[in-house]
N, C-alpha and C. Protein backbone atom coordinates (compact mmCIF):
# COMPACT_ATOMS: atom_id res chain seq x y z
N MET A 1 -40.98 43.10 -10.61
CA MET A 1 -40.87 43.53 -11.69
C MET A 1 -39.28 43.42 -11.53
N LYS A 2 -38.57 44.30 -10.96
CA LYS A 2 -37.48 44.98 -9.66
C LYS A 2 -37.28 43.30 -10.07
N ARG A 3 -38.26 43.07 -8.59
CA ARG A 3 -37.54 41.59 -7.95
C ARG A 3 -37.11 40.75 -8.42
N LEU A 4 -38.13 40.47 -9.60
CA LEU A 4 -36.88 39.35 -11.08
C LEU A 4 -36.46 39.69 -11.16
N LEU A 5 -35.63 40.86 -11.65
CA LEU A 5 -35.17 41.26 -12.42
C LEU A 5 -33.57 41.20 -11.55
N PHE A 6 -34.08 41.52 -9.87
CA PHE A 6 -32.53 41.14 -9.31
C PHE A 6 -32.64 40.01 -8.97
N ILE A 7 -33.50 38.81 -9.09
CA ILE A 7 -33.44 37.41 -8.92
C ILE A 7 -32.44 37.18 -9.98
N ILE A 8 -33.08 36.96 -11.59
CA ILE A 8 -32.39 37.09 -12.47
C ILE A 8 -30.82 36.99 -12.38
N THR A 9 -30.28 38.08 -11.91
CA THR A 9 -29.38 39.53 -11.94
C THR A 9 -28.12 38.30 -10.57
N GLY A 10 -28.63 37.79 -9.70
CA GLY A 10 -27.77 37.47 -8.77
C GLY A 10 -28.24 35.85 -9.01
N ALA A 11 -29.02 35.37 -9.54
CA ALA A 11 -28.55 33.60 -9.94
C ALA A 11 -27.28 33.70 -11.31
N SER A 12 -27.43 34.96 -12.06
CA SER A 12 -26.39 34.72 -13.23
C SER A 12 -24.68 35.14 -12.31
N LEU A 13 -25.00 35.89 -11.07
CA LEU A 13 -23.49 36.23 -11.34
C LEU A 13 -22.89 34.83 -10.25
N PHE A 14 -23.83 34.11 -9.48
CA PHE A 14 -24.22 33.61 -8.96
C PHE A 14 -23.05 32.35 -9.69
N LEU A 15 -24.13 31.98 -10.72
CA LEU A 15 -23.23 31.00 -11.83
C LEU A 15 -22.17 31.59 -12.22
N LEU A 16 -22.14 32.34 -12.58
CA LEU A 16 -20.58 32.87 -13.35
C LEU A 16 -19.30 32.68 -12.44
N GLY A 17 -19.28 32.27 -10.48
CA GLY A 17 -18.82 33.21 -10.01
C GLY A 17 -18.52 30.88 -9.72
N TRP A 18 -19.60 29.82 -9.90
CA TRP A 18 -19.64 29.31 -9.89
C TRP A 18 -18.78 28.14 -10.78
N PHE A 19 -19.09 28.80 -12.31
CA PHE A 19 -18.02 28.46 -12.96
C PHE A 19 -16.46 28.73 -13.14
N ALA A 20 -16.18 29.47 -12.84
CA ALA A 20 -15.06 30.76 -12.87
C ALA A 20 -14.42 30.37 -11.42
N HIS A 21 -15.11 29.50 -10.28
CA HIS A 21 -14.17 29.51 -8.91
C HIS A 21 -13.13 27.86 -9.63
N PRO A 22 -11.91 28.26 -9.00
CA PRO A 22 -10.89 26.95 -9.53
C PRO A 22 -11.13 26.26 -8.91
N VAL A 23 -10.57 24.93 -9.49
CA VAL A 23 -9.79 23.38 -8.83
C VAL A 23 -8.73 23.20 -8.84
N CYS A 24 -7.95 22.80 -8.06
CA CYS A 24 -6.45 22.86 -8.42
C CYS A 24 -6.53 20.74 -7.83
N VAL A 25 -5.64 20.21 -8.83
CA VAL A 25 -5.28 18.84 -8.60
C VAL A 25 -3.79 19.21 -8.45
N PRO A 26 -3.13 18.23 -6.89
CA PRO A 26 -1.58 18.00 -6.86
C PRO A 26 -1.01 17.48 -8.18
N LEU A 27 0.63 17.93 -8.59
CA LEU A 27 0.95 17.12 -9.75
C LEU A 27 2.19 15.86 -8.64
N SER A 28 2.20 14.55 -9.38
CA SER A 28 3.26 14.08 -8.83
C SER A 28 4.63 13.94 -9.76
N ALA A 29 5.52 13.22 -8.87
CA ALA A 29 6.79 14.21 -9.29
C ALA A 29 6.89 13.31 -10.70
N GLU A 30 6.46 11.94 -10.83
CA GLU A 30 6.30 12.10 -12.18
C GLU A 30 5.61 12.69 -13.51
N ASP A 31 5.03 13.19 -13.45
CA ASP A 31 4.28 14.38 -14.45
C ASP A 31 5.13 15.77 -14.09
N LEU A 32 6.14 15.92 -12.87
CA LEU A 32 6.40 17.33 -13.07
C LEU A 32 7.58 16.77 -14.26
N LYS A 33 8.37 15.54 -13.63
CA LYS A 33 9.49 14.96 -14.42
C LYS A 33 8.93 15.51 -16.09
N ASN A 34 8.10 15.15 -16.49
CA ASN A 34 7.86 14.64 -18.23
C ASN A 34 7.60 16.86 -19.00
N PHE A 35 7.52 17.17 -18.22
CA PHE A 35 7.67 18.32 -18.52
C PHE A 35 8.56 18.67 -19.87
N ASN A 36 8.18 19.59 -21.05
CA ASN A 36 9.35 19.83 -21.95
C ASN A 36 9.58 21.12 -21.49
N VAL A 37 9.18 22.10 -21.03
CA VAL A 37 9.34 22.99 -20.69
C VAL A 37 9.47 23.18 -18.83
N PRO A 38 10.33 23.36 -18.28
CA PRO A 38 9.71 23.32 -16.77
C PRO A 38 8.88 24.36 -16.26
N ILE A 39 8.11 23.36 -14.97
CA ILE A 39 7.19 23.82 -14.72
C ILE A 39 7.07 25.17 -14.12
N GLU A 40 8.26 25.86 -13.88
CA GLU A 40 8.66 26.97 -13.28
C GLU A 40 7.93 28.53 -14.44
N GLN A 41 8.54 27.66 -15.41
CA GLN A 41 9.41 28.68 -16.52
C GLN A 41 7.72 28.90 -17.81
N ARG A 42 6.54 28.41 -16.71
CA ARG A 42 5.14 28.23 -17.43
C ARG A 42 4.51 28.95 -17.70
N THR A 43 3.64 29.62 -18.37
CA THR A 43 2.81 30.91 -18.17
C THR A 43 1.28 30.21 -18.70
N ASP A 44 1.01 29.10 -18.50
CA ASP A 44 -0.36 28.67 -19.17
C ASP A 44 -1.73 29.21 -18.42
N ARG A 45 -2.38 29.65 -19.20
CA ARG A 45 -3.29 30.66 -18.29
C ARG A 45 -4.81 29.35 -18.91
N ASP A 46 -6.22 29.90 -17.81
CA ASP A 46 -7.49 29.30 -18.10
C ASP A 46 -8.17 30.08 -18.89
N ILE A 47 -8.62 29.77 -19.01
CA ILE A 47 -10.03 30.38 -19.96
C ILE A 47 -10.51 31.72 -19.50
N PHE A 48 -10.46 31.56 -17.58
CA PHE A 48 -11.14 32.90 -17.19
C PHE A 48 -9.22 33.41 -16.77
N PHE A 49 -8.26 33.31 -17.13
CA PHE A 49 -7.19 33.87 -17.00
C PHE A 49 -6.28 33.48 -15.89
N PHE A 50 -6.35 32.54 -15.12
CA PHE A 50 -5.78 32.13 -14.13
C PHE A 50 -4.76 31.69 -14.38
N LYS A 51 -3.86 31.26 -13.62
CA LYS A 51 -1.75 30.81 -13.57
C LYS A 51 -2.52 29.15 -13.75
N THR A 52 -2.18 28.14 -14.80
CA THR A 52 -2.77 26.86 -14.87
C THR A 52 -1.82 26.11 -13.77
N PHE A 53 -0.39 26.30 -13.45
CA PHE A 53 0.29 25.29 -12.87
C PHE A 53 0.90 27.30 -11.73
N GLN A 54 0.34 26.15 -10.14
CA GLN A 54 0.73 26.80 -8.98
C GLN A 54 1.34 26.22 -7.96
N LYS A 55 2.18 26.74 -7.49
CA LYS A 55 3.04 26.58 -6.01
C LYS A 55 1.83 26.59 -4.92
N ARG A 56 1.40 25.71 -4.37
CA ARG A 56 0.84 25.70 -3.20
C ARG A 56 1.25 24.78 -2.21
N ASN A 57 1.37 25.34 -1.29
CA ASN A 57 2.24 24.76 0.52
C ASN A 57 3.29 23.88 -0.19
N GLY A 58 3.78 23.77 -0.89
CA GLY A 58 5.22 23.64 -1.20
C GLY A 58 5.54 22.63 -2.29
N GLN A 59 3.73 22.53 -2.69
CA GLN A 59 3.62 21.14 -3.88
C GLN A 59 2.98 21.91 -5.25
N TRP A 60 3.27 21.67 -6.30
CA TRP A 60 2.82 21.88 -7.68
C TRP A 60 1.54 21.57 -7.73
N CYS A 61 1.00 21.99 -8.74
CA CYS A 61 -0.14 21.59 -8.60
C CYS A 61 -1.29 22.27 -10.03
N GLN A 62 -1.86 21.57 -10.59
CA GLN A 62 -2.87 22.58 -11.73
C GLN A 62 -3.67 22.53 -11.58
N CYS A 63 -4.34 23.92 -12.19
CA CYS A 63 -5.80 24.90 -11.42
C CYS A 63 -6.49 25.17 -12.84
N LYS A 64 -7.22 24.97 -12.80
CA LYS A 64 -8.34 25.68 -13.83
C LYS A 64 -9.71 25.91 -13.53
N SER A 65 -10.02 26.32 -14.34
CA SER A 65 -11.59 26.81 -13.79
C SER A 65 -12.29 25.60 -14.20
N TRP A 66 -13.02 25.75 -12.78
CA TRP A 66 -14.74 24.28 -13.07
C TRP A 66 -14.93 23.97 -13.88
N LEU A 67 -15.28 25.26 -14.84
CA LEU A 67 -15.80 24.68 -16.36
C LEU A 67 -14.89 24.63 -17.34
N SER A 68 -13.45 24.76 -17.03
CA SER A 68 -12.55 24.08 -17.30
C SER A 68 -12.09 22.83 -17.77
N ARG A 69 -12.19 22.84 -15.99
CA ARG A 69 -12.13 20.83 -15.45
C ARG A 69 -13.02 20.32 -16.42
N GLU A 70 -14.69 20.55 -16.52
CA GLU A 70 -15.39 20.05 -16.77
C GLU A 70 -15.79 19.99 -18.17
N MET A 71 -15.22 20.58 -18.78
CA MET A 71 -15.62 20.40 -19.97
C MET A 71 -14.59 19.79 -21.19
N PHE A 72 -13.02 20.50 -20.42
CA PHE A 72 -11.70 20.26 -21.38
C PHE A 72 -10.78 19.37 -20.58
N PHE A 73 -11.57 18.32 -19.45
CA PHE A 73 -10.56 17.21 -18.46
C PHE A 73 -9.55 18.22 -17.71
């Protein structure tokens, strides 16, 4: 019984981690021009509280959790 509970708990934690892991897509220069509020001033957050717009390796990216990207494009 304890083994089954351990397996279920482990599988649940794995799925939560998989759904929550961030997926980042680089933004083009054209995308950056179309922001009404400059990207540096945006404070948007994902459903798992990730900062949506992040600068990675000198390029702006839109980062969302895997679940958010799958469900809400």
